[in-house]
PDB file of all heavy atoms in Angstrom:
ATOM      1  N   LEU A   1       3.280   4.795  -8.604  1.00  0.00           N
ATOM      2  CA  LEU A   1       2.666   3.895  -9.551  1.00  0.00           C
ATOM      3  C   LEU A   1       1.762   4.638 -10.533  1.00  0.00           C
ATOM      4  O   LEU A   1       0.780   4.119 -11.024  1.00  0.00           O
ATOM      5  CB  LEU A   1       1.873   2.809  -8.817  1.00  0.00           C
ATOM      6  CG  LEU A   1       2.651   1.885  -7.906  1.00  0.00           C
ATOM      7  CD1 LEU A   1       1.710   0.914  -7.196  1.00  0.00           C
ATOM      8  CD2 LEU A   1       3.725   1.108  -8.651  1.00  0.00           C
ATOM      9  N   GLU A   2       2.155   5.857 -10.851  1.00  0.00           N
ATOM     10  CA  GLU A   2       1.285   6.760 -11.639  1.00  0.00           C
ATOM     11  C   GLU A   2       0.865   6.147 -12.959  1.00  0.00           C
ATOM     12  O   GLU A   2      -0.276   6.333 -13.421  1.00  0.00           O
ATOM     13  CB  GLU A   2       2.014   8.089 -11.958  1.00  0.00           C
ATOM     14  CG  GLU A   2       1.201   9.059 -12.713  1.00  0.00           C
ATOM     15  CD  GLU A   2       2.003  10.270 -13.143  1.00  0.00           C
ATOM     16  OE1 GLU A   2       3.233  10.190 -13.187  1.00  0.00           O
ATOM     17  OE2 GLU A   2       1.389  11.307 -13.446  1.00  0.00           O
ATOM     18  N   ASN A   3       1.718   5.369 -13.616  1.00  0.00           N
ATOM     19  CA  ASN A   3       1.381   4.864 -14.955  1.00  0.00           C
ATOM     20  C   ASN A   3       0.770   3.477 -14.920  1.00  0.00           C
ATOM     21  O   ASN A   3       0.651   2.834 -15.977  1.00  0.00           O
ATOM     22  CB  ASN A   3       2.640   4.884 -15.838  1.00  0.00           C
ATOM     23  CG  ASN A   3       3.142   6.289 -16.057  1.00  0.00           C
ATOM     24  OD1 ASN A   3       2.367   7.191 -16.393  1.00  0.00           O
ATOM     25  ND2 ASN A   3       4.432   6.473 -15.913  1.00  0.00           N
ATOM     26  N   ILE A   4       0.377   3.006 -13.736  1.00  0.00           N
ATOM     27  CA  ILE A   4      -0.211   1.681 -13.607  1.00  0.00           C
ATOM     28  C   ILE A   4      -1.710   1.805 -13.493  1.00  0.00           C
ATOM     29  O   ILE A   4      -2.233   2.589 -12.731  1.00  0.00           O
ATOM     30  CB  ILE A   4       0.388   0.959 -12.357  1.00  0.00           C
ATOM     31  CG1 ILE A   4       1.896   0.758 -12.453  1.00  0.00           C
ATOM     32  CG2 ILE A   4      -0.330  -0.385 -12.135  1.00  0.00           C
ATOM     33  CD1 ILE A   4       2.340  -0.072 -13.666  1.00  0.00           C
ATOM     34  N   LYS A   5      -2.413   0.949 -14.277  1.00  0.00           N
ATOM     35  CA  LYS A   5      -3.885   0.959 -14.230  1.00  0.00           C
ATOM     36  C   LYS A   5      -4.347  -0.370 -13.664  1.00  0.00           C
ATOM     37  O   LYS A   5      -3.942  -1.428 -14.127  1.00  0.00           O
ATOM     38  CB  LYS A   5      -4.408   1.140 -15.629  1.00  0.00           C
ATOM     39  CG  LYS A   5      -5.946   1.333 -15.729  1.00  0.00           C
ATOM     40  CD  LYS A   5      -6.348   1.815 -17.087  1.00  0.00           C
ATOM     41  CE  LYS A   5      -7.853   2.140 -17.152  1.00  0.00           C
ATOM     42  NZ  LYS A   5      -8.206   2.694 -18.473  1.00  0.00           N
ATOM     43  N   VAL A   6      -5.228  -0.291 -12.670  1.00  0.00           N
ATOM     44  CA  VAL A   6      -5.692  -1.447 -11.912  1.00  0.00           C
ATOM     45  C   VAL A   6      -7.196  -1.602 -12.084  1.00  0.00           C
ATOM     46  O   VAL A   6      -7.934  -0.653 -11.849  1.00  0.00           O
ATOM     47  CB  VAL A   6      -5.330  -1.337 -10.436  1.00  0.00           C
ATOM     48  CG1 VAL A   6      -5.843  -2.563  -9.658  1.00  0.00           C
ATOM     49  CG2 VAL A   6      -3.845  -1.165 -10.235  1.00  0.00           C
ATOM     50  N   LEU A   7      -7.583  -2.802 -12.441  1.00  0.00           N
ATOM     51  CA  LEU A   7      -9.020  -3.116 -12.557  1.00  0.00           C
ATOM     52  C   LEU A   7      -9.389  -3.958 -11.335  1.00  0.00           C
ATOM     53  O   LEU A   7      -8.942  -5.104 -11.156  1.00  0.00           O
ATOM     54  CB  LEU A   7      -9.254  -3.906 -13.876  1.00  0.00           C
ATOM     55  CG  LEU A   7     -10.666  -4.020 -14.422  1.00  0.00           C
ATOM     56  CD1 LEU A   7     -11.319  -2.662 -14.582  1.00  0.00           C
ATOM     57  CD2 LEU A   7     -10.633  -4.740 -15.748  1.00  0.00           C
ATOM     58  N   ASP A   8     -10.262  -3.399 -10.494  1.00  0.00           N
ATOM     59  CA  ASP A   8     -10.556  -3.979  -9.202  1.00  0.00           C
ATOM     60  C   ASP A   8     -11.946  -4.599  -9.155  1.00  0.00           C
ATOM     61  O   ASP A   8     -12.940  -3.901  -9.055  1.00  0.00           O
ATOM     62  CB  ASP A   8     -10.386  -2.915  -8.094  1.00  0.00           C
ATOM     63  CG  ASP A   8     -10.697  -3.433  -6.698  1.00  0.00           C
ATOM     64  OD1 ASP A   8     -10.827  -4.678  -6.520  1.00  0.00           O
ATOM     65  OD2 ASP A   8     -10.809  -2.606  -5.789  1.00  0.00           O
ATOM     66  N   LEU A   9     -12.003  -5.936  -9.267  1.00  0.00           N
ATOM     67  CA  LEU A   9     -13.271  -6.669  -9.218  1.00  0.00           C
ATOM     68  C   LEU A   9     -13.492  -7.267  -7.842  1.00  0.00           C
ATOM     69  O   LEU A   9     -14.302  -8.154  -7.655  1.00  0.00           O
ATOM     70  CB  LEU A   9     -13.313  -7.774 -10.261  1.00  0.00           C
ATOM     71  CG  LEU A   9     -13.742  -7.397 -11.705  1.00  0.00           C
ATOM     72  CD1 LEU A   9     -12.669  -6.505 -12.344  1.00  0.00           C
ATOM     73  CD2 LEU A   9     -13.923  -8.630 -12.545  1.00  0.00           C
ATOM     74  N   SER A  10     -12.776  -6.782  -6.841  1.00  0.00           N
ATOM     75  CA  SER A  10     -12.916  -7.342  -5.502  1.00  0.00           C
ATOM     76  C   SER A  10     -13.875  -6.579  -4.649  1.00  0.00           C
ATOM     77  O   SER A  10     -14.287  -5.455  -5.013  1.00  0.00           O
ATOM     78  CB  SER A  10     -11.532  -7.374  -4.812  1.00  0.00           C
ATOM     79  OG  SER A  10     -11.065  -6.069  -4.503  1.00  0.00           O
ATOM     80  N   ARG A  11     -14.211  -7.128  -3.508  1.00  0.00           N
ATOM     81  CA  ARG A  11     -15.161  -6.504  -2.593  1.00  0.00           C
ATOM     82  C   ARG A  11     -14.837  -6.900  -1.163  1.00  0.00           C
ATOM     83  O   ARG A  11     -13.968  -7.764  -0.921  1.00  0.00           O
ATOM     84  CB  ARG A  11     -16.610  -6.826  -2.954  1.00  0.00           C
ATOM     85  CG  ARG A  11     -16.932  -8.314  -2.801  1.00  0.00           C
ATOM     86  CD  ARG A  11     -17.832  -8.845  -3.825  1.00  0.00           C
ATOM     87  NE  ARG A  11     -18.238 -10.197  -3.532  1.00  0.00           N
ATOM     88  CZ  ARG A  11     -17.471 -11.256  -3.796  1.00  0.00           C
ATOM     89  NH1 ARG A  11     -16.248 -11.116  -4.321  1.00  0.00           N
ATOM     90  NH2 ARG A  11     -17.892 -12.454  -3.472  1.00  0.00           N
ATOM     91  N   VAL A  12     -15.485  -6.314  -0.207  1.00  0.00           N
ATOM     92  CA  VAL A  12     -15.314  -6.483   1.223  1.00  0.00           C
ATOM     93  C   VAL A  12     -14.027  -5.853   1.682  1.00  0.00           C
ATOM     94  O   VAL A  12     -13.903  -4.631   1.686  1.00  0.00           O
ATOM     95  CB  VAL A  12     -15.485  -7.952   1.647  1.00  0.00           C
ATOM     96  CG1 VAL A  12     -15.495  -8.056   3.197  1.00  0.00           C
ATOM     97  CG2 VAL A  12     -16.812  -8.524   1.129  1.00  0.00           C
ATOM     98  N   LEU A  13     -12.960  -6.640   2.007  1.00  0.00           N
ATOM     99  CA  LEU A  13     -11.799  -5.984   2.646  1.00  0.00           C
ATOM    100  C   LEU A  13     -10.436  -6.354   2.072  1.00  0.00           C
ATOM    101  O   LEU A  13      -9.686  -5.449   1.734  1.00  0.00           O
ATOM    102  CB  LEU A  13     -11.787  -6.271   4.159  1.00  0.00           C
ATOM    103  CG  LEU A  13     -10.763  -5.491   4.990  1.00  0.00           C
ATOM    104  CD1 LEU A  13     -10.882  -3.991   4.739  1.00  0.00           C
ATOM    105  CD2 LEU A  13     -10.911  -5.819   6.480  1.00  0.00           C
ATOM    106  N   ALA A  14     -10.148  -7.632   1.916  1.00  0.00           N
ATOM    107  CA  ALA A  14      -8.788  -7.975   1.482  1.00  0.00           C
ATOM    108  C   ALA A  14      -8.410  -7.380   0.150  1.00  0.00           C
ATOM    109  O   ALA A  14      -7.370  -6.711  -0.026  1.00  0.00           O
ATOM    110  CB  ALA A  14      -8.647  -9.538   1.435  1.00  0.00           C
ATOM    111  N   GLY A  15      -9.267  -7.582  -0.851  1.00  0.00           N
ATOM    112  CA  GLY A  15      -8.949  -7.033  -2.185  1.00  0.00           C
ATOM    113  C   GLY A  15      -9.056  -5.541  -2.222  1.00  0.00           C
ATOM    114  O   GLY A  15      -8.114  -4.847  -2.723  1.00  0.00           O
ATOM    115  N   PRO A  16     -10.141  -4.926  -1.726  1.00  0.00           N
ATOM    116  CA  PRO A  16     -10.224  -3.479  -1.699  1.00  0.00           C
ATOM    117  C   PRO A  16      -9.072  -2.782  -0.950  1.00  0.00           C
ATOM    118  O   PRO A  16      -8.623  -1.710  -1.287  1.00  0.00           O
ATOM    119  CB  PRO A  16     -11.565  -3.180  -1.020  1.00  0.00           C
ATOM    120  CG  PRO A  16     -12.403  -4.379  -1.413  1.00  0.00           C
ATOM    121  CD  PRO A  16     -11.424  -5.542  -1.375  1.00  0.00           C
ATOM    122  N   TYR A  17      -8.633  -3.437   0.148  1.00  0.00           N
ATOM    123  CA  TYR A  17      -7.500  -2.873   0.920  1.00  0.00           C
ATOM    124  C   TYR A  17      -6.243  -2.844   0.067  1.00  0.00           C
ATOM    125  O   TYR A  17      -5.514  -1.868   0.048  1.00  0.00           O
ATOM    126  CB  TYR A  17      -7.289  -3.679   2.204  1.00  0.00           C
ATOM    127  CG  TYR A  17      -6.314  -3.013   3.170  1.00  0.00           C
ATOM    128  CD1 TYR A  17      -6.701  -1.921   3.914  1.00  0.00           C
ATOM    129  CD2 TYR A  17      -5.045  -3.540   3.357  1.00  0.00           C
ATOM    130  CE1 TYR A  17      -5.838  -1.307   4.794  1.00  0.00           C
ATOM    131  CE2 TYR A  17      -4.187  -2.937   4.284  1.00  0.00           C
ATOM    132  CZ  TYR A  17      -4.599  -1.831   4.977  1.00  0.00           C
ATOM    133  OH  TYR A  17      -3.731  -1.250   5.899  1.00  0.00           O
ATOM    134  N   CYS A  18      -6.045  -3.934  -0.688  1.00  0.00           N
ATOM    135  CA  CYS A  18      -4.867  -4.030  -1.583  1.00  0.00           C
ATOM    136  C   CYS A  18      -4.936  -2.947  -2.632  1.00  0.00           C
ATOM    137  O   CYS A  18      -3.976  -2.208  -2.860  1.00  0.00           O
ATOM    138  CB  CYS A  18      -4.845  -5.399  -2.277  1.00  0.00           C
ATOM    139  SG  CYS A  18      -3.694  -5.537  -3.646  1.00  0.00           S
ATOM    140  N   THR A  19      -6.072  -2.797  -3.267  1.00  0.00           N
ATOM    141  CA  THR A  19      -6.170  -1.819  -4.381  1.00  0.00           C
ATOM    142  C   THR A  19      -6.176  -0.402  -3.859  1.00  0.00           C
ATOM    143  O   THR A  19      -5.732   0.520  -4.575  1.00  0.00           O
ATOM    144  CB  THR A  19      -7.437  -2.060  -5.233  1.00  0.00           C
ATOM    145  OG1 THR A  19      -8.583  -2.122  -4.391  1.00  0.00           O
ATOM    146  CG2 THR A  19      -7.322  -3.422  -5.932  1.00  0.00           C
ATOM    147  N   MET A  20      -6.617  -0.166  -2.624  1.00  0.00           N
ATOM    148  CA  MET A  20      -6.504   1.164  -2.051  1.00  0.00           C
ATOM    149  C   MET A  20      -5.053   1.549  -1.863  1.00  0.00           C
ATOM    150  O   MET A  20      -4.626   2.701  -2.127  1.00  0.00           O
ATOM    151  CB  MET A  20      -7.213   1.230  -0.723  1.00  0.00           C
ATOM    152  CG  MET A  20      -7.191   2.663  -0.093  1.00  0.00           C
ATOM    153  SD  MET A  20      -8.063   2.795   1.505  1.00  0.00           S
ATOM    154  CE  MET A  20      -6.927   1.871   2.595  1.00  0.00           C
ATOM    155  N   ILE A  21      -4.226   0.574  -1.421  1.00  0.00           N
ATOM    156  CA  ILE A  21      -2.774   0.893  -1.289  1.00  0.00           C
ATOM    157  C   ILE A  21      -2.178   1.208  -2.648  1.00  0.00           C
ATOM    158  O   ILE A  21      -1.405   2.166  -2.773  1.00  0.00           O
ATOM    159  CB  ILE A  21      -2.040  -0.311  -0.653  1.00  0.00           C
ATOM    160  CG1 ILE A  21      -2.566  -0.548   0.771  1.00  0.00           C
ATOM    161  CG2 ILE A  21      -0.551  -0.071  -0.616  1.00  0.00           C
ATOM    162  CD1 ILE A  21      -2.048  -1.840   1.374  1.00  0.00           C
ATOM    163  N   LEU A  22      -2.564   0.452  -3.693  1.00  0.00           N
ATOM    164  CA  LEU A  22      -2.050   0.731  -5.030  1.00  0.00           C
ATOM    165  C   LEU A  22      -2.497   2.111  -5.436  1.00  0.00           C
ATOM    166  O   LEU A  22      -1.740   2.884  -6.079  1.00  0.00           O
ATOM    167  CB  LEU A  22      -2.510  -0.354  -5.982  1.00  0.00           C
ATOM    168  CG  LEU A  22      -2.016  -1.769  -5.738  1.00  0.00           C
ATOM    169  CD1 LEU A  22      -2.711  -2.771  -6.648  1.00  0.00           C
ATOM    170  CD2 LEU A  22      -0.497  -1.857  -5.867  1.00  0.00           C
ATOM    171  N   GLY A  23      -3.748   2.471  -5.139  1.00  0.00           N
ATOM    172  CA  GLY A  23      -4.241   3.791  -5.469  1.00  0.00           C
ATOM    173  C   GLY A  23      -3.537   4.873  -4.688  1.00  0.00           C
ATOM    174  O   GLY A  23      -3.218   5.940  -5.238  1.00  0.00           O
ATOM    175  N   ASP A  24      -3.227   4.597  -3.424  1.00  0.00           N
ATOM    176  CA  ASP A  24      -2.501   5.566  -2.599  1.00  0.00           C
ATOM    177  C   ASP A  24      -1.093   5.790  -3.183  1.00  0.00           C
ATOM    178  O   ASP A  24      -0.507   6.881  -3.036  1.00  0.00           O
ATOM    179  CB  ASP A  24      -2.355   5.050  -1.161  1.00  0.00           C
ATOM    180  CG  ASP A  24      -3.658   5.149  -0.384  1.00  0.00           C
ATOM    181  OD1 ASP A  24      -4.604   5.756  -0.867  1.00  0.00           O
ATOM    182  OD2 ASP A  24      -3.694   4.618   0.758  1.00  0.00           O
ATOM    183  N   LEU A  25      -0.547   4.774  -3.852  1.00  0.00           N
ATOM    184  CA  LEU A  25       0.783   4.906  -4.449  1.00  0.00           C
ATOM    185  C   LEU A  25       0.700   5.509  -5.857  1.00  0.00           C
ATOM    186  O   LEU A  25       1.749   5.650  -6.528  1.00  0.00           O
ATOM    187  CB  LEU A  25       1.439   3.531  -4.533  1.00  0.00           C
ATOM    188  CG  LEU A  25       1.924   2.947  -3.197  1.00  0.00           C
ATOM    189  CD1 LEU A  25       2.303   1.498  -3.337  1.00  0.00           C
ATOM    190  CD2 LEU A  25       3.086   3.758  -2.637  1.00  0.00           C
ATOM    191  N   GLY A  26      -0.468   5.930  -6.251  1.00  0.00           N
ATOM    192  CA  GLY A  26      -0.616   6.655  -7.529  1.00  0.00           C
ATOM    193  C   GLY A  26      -1.201   5.908  -8.688  1.00  0.00           C
ATOM    194  O   GLY A  26      -1.407   6.485  -9.730  1.00  0.00           O
ATOM    195  N   ALA A  27      -1.480   4.607  -8.505  1.00  0.00           N
ATOM    196  CA  ALA A  27      -2.100   3.861  -9.603  1.00  0.00           C
ATOM    197  C   ALA A  27      -3.524   4.351  -9.891  1.00  0.00           C
ATOM    198  O   ALA A  27      -4.199   4.831  -8.967  1.00  0.00           O
ATOM    199  CB  ALA A  27      -2.108   2.385  -9.259  1.00  0.00           C
ATOM    200  N   GLU A  28      -3.947   4.243 -11.095  1.00  0.00           N
ATOM    201  CA  GLU A  28      -5.365   4.522 -11.461  1.00  0.00           C
ATOM    202  C   GLU A  28      -6.132   3.244 -11.152  1.00  0.00           C
ATOM    203  O   GLU A  28      -5.895   2.174 -11.757  1.00  0.00           O
ATOM    204  CB  GLU A  28      -5.539   4.885 -12.914  1.00  0.00           C
ATOM    205  CG  GLU A  28      -6.980   5.136 -13.268  1.00  0.00           C
ATOM    206  CD  GLU A  28      -7.175   5.420 -14.760  1.00  0.00           C
ATOM    207  OE1 GLU A  28      -6.173   5.443 -15.513  1.00  0.00           O
ATOM    208  OE2 GLU A  28      -8.329   5.609 -15.193  1.00  0.00           O
ATOM    209  N   VAL A  29      -7.060   3.259 -10.232  1.00  0.00           N
ATOM    210  CA  VAL A  29      -7.839   2.080  -9.804  1.00  0.00           C
ATOM    211  C   VAL A  29      -9.275   2.304 -10.196  1.00  0.00           C
ATOM    212  O   VAL A  29      -9.924   3.296  -9.839  1.00  0.00           O
ATOM    213  CB  VAL A  29      -7.731   1.862  -8.266  1.00  0.00           C
ATOM    214  CG1 VAL A  29      -8.512   0.636  -7.904  1.00  0.00           C
ATOM    215  CG2 VAL A  29      -6.263   1.679  -7.886  1.00  0.00           C
ATOM    216  N   ILE A  30      -9.827   1.316 -10.916  1.00  0.00           N
ATOM    217  CA  ILE A  30     -11.200   1.349 -11.306  1.00  0.00           C
ATOM    218  C   ILE A  30     -11.925   0.211 -10.537  1.00  0.00           C
ATOM    219  O   ILE A  30     -11.649  -0.983 -10.759  1.00  0.00           O
ATOM    220  CB  ILE A  30     -11.380   1.142 -12.823  1.00  0.00           C
ATOM    221  CG1 ILE A  30     -10.716   2.288 -13.587  1.00  0.00           C
ATOM    222  CG2 ILE A  30     -12.889   1.069 -13.195  1.00  0.00           C
ATOM    223  CD1 ILE A  30     -10.723   2.132 -15.091  1.00  0.00           C
ATOM    224  N   LYS A  31     -12.806   0.571  -9.683  1.00  0.00           N
ATOM    225  CA  LYS A  31     -13.572  -0.375  -8.879  1.00  0.00           C
ATOM    226  C   LYS A  31     -14.801  -0.815  -9.678  1.00  0.00           C
ATOM    227  O   LYS A  31     -15.583   0.035 -10.132  1.00  0.00           O
ATOM    228  CB  LYS A  31     -14.000   0.251  -7.564  1.00  0.00           C
ATOM    229  CG  LYS A  31     -14.742  -0.703  -6.623  1.00  0.00           C
ATOM    230  CD  LYS A  31     -15.115   0.016  -5.277  1.00  0.00           C
ATOM    231  CE  LYS A  31     -15.838  -0.907  -4.334  1.00  0.00           C
ATOM    232  NZ  LYS A  31     -14.939  -1.942  -3.763  1.00  0.00           N
TER     233      LYS A  31
END
């Protein structure tokens, strides 16, 4: 997911866990 940019306005676990997976797959994630 190198060319995907994710804006992460979530906190605690469900949302951050999702965006961590996207980041692990190569997305640029901004918390």
